[in-house]
């Protein structure tokens, strides 16, 4: 089979890569030319093409491109709309605050002490009247328009989240079973792995791709590693978020942090280790997903015991909505499901 090296298969080279693949060619992603060599030899399209061909023949500086033909590509596109809407909404709040700072006291007093959400809700519900040439009227009209725009962006973000949750629930529910992963984080990890995750043949490759592989930083008698500054920074941010969530509410992770702190490790070093362990767990879960246990029998069992969701939640130390999600089959918290089932069985023995 003839192989073709293409630079930028995820952007400008995406169309060419699809056409070559459809034509029966093997497409290989090549890295951009070496900067030092480019400074020495110069740059032109023929030189870049020659360097790409050399990389493919030598199997150096190449990788398998994403196929971009499945649900992961759909998630990537949806995340694009979501991220831009979030940025626009954040900028909108800053703009509203700036207008209120310089607004007349009559308007400032109306919104003083309100949260951002309550403030924009009040702004969108107002009905300013009068001559728009009056600064007070013009300010009120502008705030109303900005408030309605905020609500529109919020609705757009919620629609994107609903689409992402449905795609992830149908195609990669195993990701949601990992502690600290929600819809936003799971969607980013799916985008990073792509529609052909088999191109990552080891967990070390995934760790390097996500930018959590340990980098040697030893010198003299000091032996240490540092955080990686390469890889997909969005995936690194997602794994960093998981680590922070676990450090705040996961007993096993908190025990690990306490132990490594006593060993003399700094917080940055502990985070580096945690992120590497999390990457390993994510990779193994994606390659060997565990099926969730059936939960459709839990609600009838609870009703037979004349117990409410609030009672179960109080005994398990969670919110009633968590119990509701388990009974509906939308929860991916395997540990909580097992705790809930055990509590029901013990409650049934006591009643008997």
Protein backbone atom coordinates (compact mmCIF):
# COMPACT_ATOMS: atom_id res chain seq x y z
CA UNK A 1 0.00 0.00 0.00
CA UNK A 2 1.23 3.50 -0.84
CA UNK A 3 1.64 5.76 2.20
CA UNK A 4 1.22 9.54 2.05
CA UNK A 5 2.55 11.92 4.69
CA UNK A 6 0.21 14.85 5.40
CA UNK A 7 0.87 17.71 7.79
CA UNK A 8 -2.12 19.09 9.68
CA UNK A 9 -4.69 16.33 9.14
CA UNK A 10 -6.84 17.90 11.83
CA UNK A 11 -7.12 21.32 10.16
CA UNK A 12 -6.11 22.42 6.66
CA UNK A 13 -5.11 18.89 5.66
CA UNK A 14 -8.37 17.25 6.79
CA UNK A 15 -10.00 17.34 3.35
CA UNK A 16 -6.89 16.00 1.64
CA UNK A 17 -6.57 13.22 4.24
CA UNK A 18 -10.20 12.14 3.68
CA UNK A 19 -9.76 12.12 -0.09
CA UNK A 20 -6.56 10.08 0.12
CA UNK A 21 -8.11 7.59 2.52
CA UNK A 22 -11.11 7.18 0.21
CA UNK A 23 -8.66 6.55 -2.63
CA UNK A 24 -7.08 3.63 -0.80
CA UNK A 25 -3.89 5.36 0.38
CA UNK A 26 -2.45 5.00 3.88
CA UNK A 27 -2.39 8.49 5.43
CA UNK A 28 0.29 9.30 8.01
CA UNK A 29 0.40 12.47 10.09
CA UNK A 30 3.86 14.06 9.96
CA UNK A 31 5.24 16.65 12.33
CA UNK A 32 6.16 20.08 11.06
CA UNK A 33 9.74 20.43 9.80
CA UNK A 34 12.53 20.79 12.32
CA UNK A 35 13.05 24.49 13.03
CA UNK A 36 16.82 24.29 13.16
CA UNK A 37 16.94 22.44 9.84
CA UNK A 38 14.49 24.91 8.34
CA UNK A 39 16.71 27.83 9.31
CA UNK A 40 19.70 26.14 7.68
CA UNK A 41 18.09 24.79 4.49
CA UNK A 42 15.31 27.33 4.05
CA UNK A 43 11.62 26.71 3.43
CA UNK A 44 9.55 25.99 0.35
CA UNK A 45 6.70 23.66 -0.56
CA UNK A 46 8.98 21.17 -2.38
CA UNK A 47 11.37 21.06 0.61
CA UNK A 48 8.44 20.49 3.01
CA UNK A 49 7.08 17.71 0.78
CA UNK A 50 10.50 16.07 0.61
CA UNK A 51 10.83 16.23 4.41
CA UNK A 52 7.36 14.67 4.82
CA UNK A 53 8.31 11.82 2.48
CA UNK A 54 11.54 11.23 4.43
CA UNK A 55 9.59 11.10 7.69
CA UNK A 56 7.20 8.48 6.32
CA UNK A 57 9.99 6.30 4.90
CA UNK A 58 12.04 6.52 8.10
CA UNK A 59 8.93 6.13 10.32
CA UNK A 60 10.21 9.07 12.34
CA UNK A 61 8.15 11.98 13.63
CA UNK A 62 4.90 10.43 12.42
CA UNK A 63 1.64 9.30 13.99
CA UNK A 64 -1.70 7.79 13.01
CA UNK A 65 -4.22 10.58 12.28
CA UNK A 66 -7.72 10.65 13.68
CA UNK A 67 -10.33 9.26 11.32
CA UNK A 68 -12.91 11.96 12.19
CA UNK A 69 -15.83 9.89 10.97
CA UNK A 70 -17.69 8.94 14.16
CA UNK A 71 -19.30 10.23 17.34
CA UNK A 72 -16.03 11.71 18.68
CA UNK A 73 -15.96 14.13 15.74
CA UNK A 74 -19.58 15.04 16.46
CA UNK A 75 -18.61 15.73 20.07
CA UNK A 76 -15.73 17.94 18.90
CA UNK A 77 -18.00 20.05 16.72
CA UNK A 78 -20.60 20.42 19.47
CA UNK A 79 -17.90 21.43 21.96
CA UNK A 80 -16.82 24.18 19.57
CA UNK A 81 -20.24 25.81 19.77
CA UNK A 82 -20.39 25.26 23.53
CA UNK A 83 -16.98 26.77 24.28
CA UNK A 84 -17.66 29.86 22.15
CA UNK A 85 -21.02 30.37 23.86
CA UNK A 86 -19.38 30.11 27.29
CA UNK A 87 -16.73 32.66 26.34
CA UNK A 88 -19.38 35.01 24.97
CA UNK A 89 -21.47 34.65 28.13
CA UNK A 90 -18.47 35.36 30.36
CA UNK A 91 -17.61 38.44 28.30
CA UNK A 92 -21.25 39.50 28.53
CA UNK A 93 -21.19 39.42 32.35
CA UNK A 94 -18.05 41.55 32.32
CA UNK A 95 -19.76 44.02 29.99
CA UNK A 96 -22.84 44.20 32.24
CA UNK A 97 -20.67 44.86 35.30
CA UNK A 98 -18.83 47.61 33.43
CA UNK A 99 -22.09 49.31 32.45
CA UNK A 100 -23.43 49.13 36.02
CA UNK A 101 -20.26 50.66 37.45
CA UNK A 102 -20.85 53.87 35.46
CA UNK A 103 -24.67 53.73 35.46
CA UNK A 104 -26.82 56.32 37.25
CA UNK A 105 -27.56 55.58 40.89
CA UNK A 106 -31.23 54.98 40.07
CA UNK A 107 -30.26 51.88 38.05
CA UNK A 108 -27.35 50.77 40.23
CA UNK A 109 -29.57 50.67 43.33
CA UNK A 110 -32.03 48.35 41.57
CA UNK A 111 -29.41 45.62 41.01
CA UNK A 112 -27.17 46.14 44.03
CA UNK A 113 -26.53 42.99 46.08
CA UNK A 114 -27.89 40.64 43.39
CA UNK A 115 -26.11 37.57 42.08
CA UNK A 116 -25.19 37.49 38.40
CA UNK A 117 -28.01 35.08 37.53
CA UNK A 118 -30.66 37.01 39.46
CA UNK A 119 -29.39 40.28 38.01
CA UNK A 120 -29.67 39.22 34.35
CA UNK A 121 -33.10 37.68 35.00
CA UNK A 122 -34.35 41.01 36.36
CA UNK A 123 -32.76 42.88 33.45
CA UNK A 124 -34.41 40.66 30.84
CA UNK A 125 -37.82 41.08 32.52
CA UNK A 126 -37.73 44.89 32.61
CA UNK A 127 -39.83 47.04 30.26
CA UNK A 128 -37.99 50.34 29.89
CA UNK A 129 -39.97 53.19 28.36
CA UNK A 130 -39.12 56.72 27.44
CA UNK A 131 -36.84 58.58 25.10
CA UNK A 132 -33.70 56.55 24.27
CA UNK A 133 -31.77 59.82 24.15
CA UNK A 134 -32.10 59.92 27.95
CA UNK A 135 -29.00 58.20 29.48
CA UNK A 136 -31.11 56.43 32.11
CA UNK A 137 -33.52 55.02 29.52
CA UNK A 138 -30.68 54.08 27.16
CA UNK A 139 -28.87 52.25 29.97
CA UNK A 140 -32.03 50.36 30.95
CA UNK A 141 -32.67 49.34 27.33
CA UNK A 142 -29.08 48.17 26.89
CA UNK A 143 -29.18 46.12 30.11
CA UNK A 144 -32.43 44.49 29.01
CA UNK A 145 -30.90 43.49 25.68
CA UNK A 146 -27.78 42.14 27.34
CA UNK A 147 -29.91 40.19 29.83
CA UNK A 148 -31.93 38.58 27.03
CA UNK A 149 -28.70 37.76 25.18
CA UNK A 150 -27.35 36.10 28.35
CA UNK A 151 -30.46 33.94 28.59
CA UNK A 152 -30.16 32.98 24.92
CA UNK A 153 -26.52 31.94 25.39
CA UNK A 154 -27.42 29.96 28.51
CA UNK A 155 -30.14 28.14 26.58
CA UNK A 156 -27.64 27.39 23.80
CA UNK A 157 -25.13 25.98 26.29
CA UNK A 158 -27.81 23.79 27.89
CA UNK A 159 -28.81 22.44 24.46
CA UNK A 160 -25.17 21.59 23.71
CA UNK A 161 -24.81 19.87 27.09
CA UNK A 162 -27.94 17.81 26.43
CA UNK A 163 -26.62 16.69 23.04
CA UNK A 164 -23.22 15.82 24.51
CA UNK A 165 -24.77 13.90 27.41
CA UNK A 166 -26.88 11.84 24.99
CA UNK A 167 -23.92 11.00 22.73
CA UNK A 168 -21.67 10.06 25.64
CA UNK A 169 -24.39 8.03 27.34
CA UNK A 170 -25.03 6.06 24.14
CA UNK A 171 -21.43 5.54 23.01
CA UNK A 172 -19.04 5.88 25.96
CA UNK A 173 -20.97 5.46 29.23
CA UNK A 174 -17.94 3.82 30.86
CA UNK A 175 -16.17 7.19 31.03
CA UNK A 176 -18.89 8.53 33.32
CA UNK A 177 -18.22 5.76 35.85
CA UNK A 178 -14.83 7.30 36.69
CA UNK A 179 -14.86 9.47 39.78
CA UNK A 180 -14.58 13.16 38.92
CA UNK A 181 -15.73 12.90 35.29
CA UNK A 182 -18.84 14.68 34.09
CA UNK A 183 -20.20 15.46 30.66
CA UNK A 184 -17.81 18.33 29.89
CA UNK A 185 -14.67 16.44 30.93
CA UNK A 186 -15.76 13.20 29.25
CA UNK A 187 -16.45 15.02 25.98
CA UNK A 188 -12.95 16.52 25.95
CA UNK A 189 -11.35 13.13 26.60
CA UNK A 190 -13.33 11.62 23.73
CA UNK A 191 -12.15 14.38 21.41
CA UNK A 192 -8.55 13.74 22.48
CA UNK A 193 -8.74 9.99 21.85
CA UNK A 194 -10.66 10.37 18.58
CA UNK A 195 -12.85 7.93 16.72
CA UNK A 196 -9.99 5.44 16.43
CA UNK A 197 -8.59 5.12 19.97
CA UNK A 198 -6.81 1.93 18.93
CA UNK A 199 -4.12 4.20 17.43
CA UNK A 200 -2.95 4.63 21.04
CA UNK A 201 -1.40 1.25 21.70
CA UNK A 202 -0.38 1.84 25.33
CA UNK A 203 -1.32 3.92 28.32
CA UNK A 204 2.08 5.63 28.10
CA UNK A 205 1.13 6.94 24.65
CA UNK A 206 -2.14 8.30 25.98
CA UNK A 207 -0.33 9.93 28.93
CA UNK A 208 2.08 11.62 26.52
CA UNK A 209 -0.80 12.72 24.28
CA UNK A 210 -2.62 14.22 27.29
CA UNK A 211 0.51 15.95 28.53
CA UNK A 212 0.72 14.08 31.84
CA UNK A 213 3.74 11.90 31.11
CA UNK A 214 6.56 12.52 33.66
CA UNK A 215 9.53 14.37 32.21
CA UNK A 216 12.99 13.68 33.75
CA UNK A 217 14.43 16.81 35.36
CA UNK A 218 17.38 15.37 37.24
CA UNK A 219 20.63 17.19 37.82
CA UNK A 220 23.72 16.10 39.75
CA UNK A 221 22.67 14.16 42.82
CA UNK A 222 19.01 15.20 42.46
CA UNK A 223 16.66 12.71 40.82
CA UNK A 224 13.22 14.07 40.06
CA UNK A 225 10.55 14.50 37.38
CA UNK A 226 8.49 17.50 36.37
CA UNK A 227 5.12 18.11 34.74
CA UNK A 228 4.97 17.77 30.98
CA UNK A 229 4.40 20.96 29.00
CA UNK A 230 3.54 19.13 25.78
CA UNK A 231 0.57 17.16 24.53
CA UNK A 232 -3.04 18.20 24.25
CA UNK A 233 -3.43 21.02 26.76
CA UNK A 234 -7.22 20.75 26.77
CA UNK A 235 -6.94 17.07 27.79
CA UNK A 236 -4.35 18.03 30.40
CA UNK A 237 -6.80 20.59 31.79
CA UNK A 238 -9.56 17.96 31.93
CA UNK A 239 -7.37 15.51 33.85
CA UNK A 240 -6.22 18.34 36.14
CA UNK A 241 -9.89 19.03 36.90
CA UNK A 242 -10.44 15.36 37.79
CA UNK A 243 -7.43 15.45 40.13
CA UNK A 244 -8.70 18.57 41.93
CA UNK A 245 -12.17 17.06 42.36
CA UNK A 246 -10.72 13.87 43.84
CA UNK A 247 -8.41 15.79 46.16
CA UNK A 248 -11.44 17.58 47.59
CA UNK A 249 -13.96 14.76 48.02
CA UNK A 250 -12.40 11.33 47.38
CA UNK A 251 -11.19 9.70 50.64
CA UNK A 252 -8.69 7.42 48.88
CA UNK A 253 -7.11 10.35 47.02
CA UNK A 254 -6.98 12.48 50.17
CA UNK A 255 -5.22 9.67 52.02
CA UNK A 256 -2.73 9.43 49.15
CA UNK A 257 -2.08 13.19 49.27
CA UNK A 258 -1.52 13.04 53.04
CA UNK A 259 0.90 10.13 52.65
CA UNK A 260 2.94 11.76 49.87
CA UNK A 261 3.01 15.08 51.72
CA UNK A 262 4.48 13.29 54.72
CA UNK A 263 7.10 11.83 52.34
CA UNK A 264 8.21 15.37 51.50
CA UNK A 265 6.51 15.72 48.11
CA UNK A 266 5.28 19.15 47.03
CA UNK A 267 1.74 19.78 45.80
CA UNK A 268 2.98 20.08 42.20
CA UNK A 269 4.74 16.71 42.44
CA UNK A 270 1.67 15.08 44.01
CA UNK A 271 -0.54 16.49 41.25
CA UNK A 272 1.87 15.16 38.63
CA UNK A 273 1.62 11.65 40.08
CA UNK A 274 -2.16 11.83 40.43
CA UNK A 275 -2.65 12.97 36.85
CA UNK A 276 -0.51 10.09 35.60
CA UNK A 277 -2.56 7.58 37.60
CA UNK A 278 -5.81 9.12 36.33
CA UNK A 279 -4.59 8.87 32.73
CA UNK A 280 -3.91 5.18 33.28
CA UNK A 281 -7.41 4.65 34.67
CA UNK A 282 -9.02 6.53 31.78
CA UNK A 283 -7.09 4.56 29.17
CA UNK A 284 -7.92 1.19 30.71
CA UNK A 285 -11.59 2.11 31.09
CA UNK A 286 -11.85 3.19 27.46
CA UNK A 287 -10.11 0.09 26.14
CA UNK A 288 -11.85 -2.33 28.52
CA UNK A 289 -15.18 -0.72 29.51
CA UNK A 290 -17.07 -2.24 32.42
CA UNK A 291 -20.79 -2.75 31.99
CA UNK A 292 -22.94 -1.00 34.57
CA UNK A 293 -25.12 -3.22 36.77
CA UNK A 294 -28.86 -3.16 36.14
CA UNK A 295 -30.74 -0.86 38.54
CA UNK A 296 -34.35 -1.28 37.39
CA UNK A 297 -35.07 -3.50 40.41
CA UNK A 298 -34.08 -0.94 43.05
CA UNK A 299 -37.15 1.29 42.90
CA UNK A 300 -39.66 -1.60 43.36
CA UNK A 301 -37.52 -2.90 46.21
CA UNK A 302 -37.56 0.52 47.92
CA UNK A 303 -41.32 0.93 47.46
CA UNK A 304 -41.91 -2.54 48.92
CA UNK A 305 -40.07 -1.41 52.04
CA UNK A 306 -42.18 1.80 52.21
CA UNK A 307 -39.01 3.91 52.16
CA UNK A 308 -38.70 7.27 50.44
CA UNK A 309 -35.83 8.54 48.32
CA UNK A 310 -35.17 11.18 50.98
CA UNK A 311 -34.79 8.47 53.63
CA UNK A 312 -32.37 6.48 51.49
CA UNK A 313 -30.39 9.62 50.64
CA UNK A 314 -30.13 10.60 54.29
CA UNK A 315 -28.80 7.18 55.29
CA UNK A 316 -26.27 7.16 52.42
CA UNK A 317 -25.17 10.76 52.91
CA UNK A 318 -26.15 11.95 49.40
CA UNK A 319 -28.79 14.16 47.81
CA UNK A 320 -32.17 12.58 46.90
CA UNK A 321 -31.48 13.42 43.24
CA UNK A 322 -28.57 10.94 43.33
CA UNK A 323 -30.98 8.17 44.40
CA UNK A 324 -33.41 9.23 41.68
CA UNK A 325 -30.69 9.01 39.01
CA UNK A 326 -29.74 5.52 40.20
CA UNK A 327 -33.32 4.27 39.97
CA UNK A 328 -33.74 5.81 36.51
CA UNK A 329 -30.53 4.15 35.32
CA UNK A 330 -28.79 7.43 34.47
CA UNK A 331 -26.19 7.33 37.26
CA UNK A 332 -22.72 5.92 36.54
CA UNK A 333 -21.49 5.91 40.12
CA UNK A 334 -20.84 2.19 40.61
CA UNK A 335 -19.82 2.57 44.25
CA UNK A 336 -22.98 4.48 45.18
CA UNK A 337 -25.14 1.92 43.35
CA UNK A 338 -23.55 -0.89 45.35
CA UNK A 339 -24.00 1.06 48.60
CA UNK A 340 -27.64 1.71 47.80
CA UNK A 341 -28.30 -1.95 46.99
CA UNK A 342 -26.57 -3.04 50.21
CA UNK A 343 -28.64 -0.57 52.23
CA UNK A 344 -31.88 -1.86 50.71
CA UNK A 345 -30.92 -5.48 51.39
CA UNK A 346 -30.01 -4.71 55.01
CA UNK A 347 -33.21 -2.71 55.46
CA UNK A 348 -35.18 -5.66 54.06
CA UNK A 349 -33.57 -8.04 56.57
CA UNK A 350 -34.37 -5.71 59.46
CA UNK A 351 -38.01 -5.43 58.34
CA UNK A 352 -38.28 -9.20 58.08
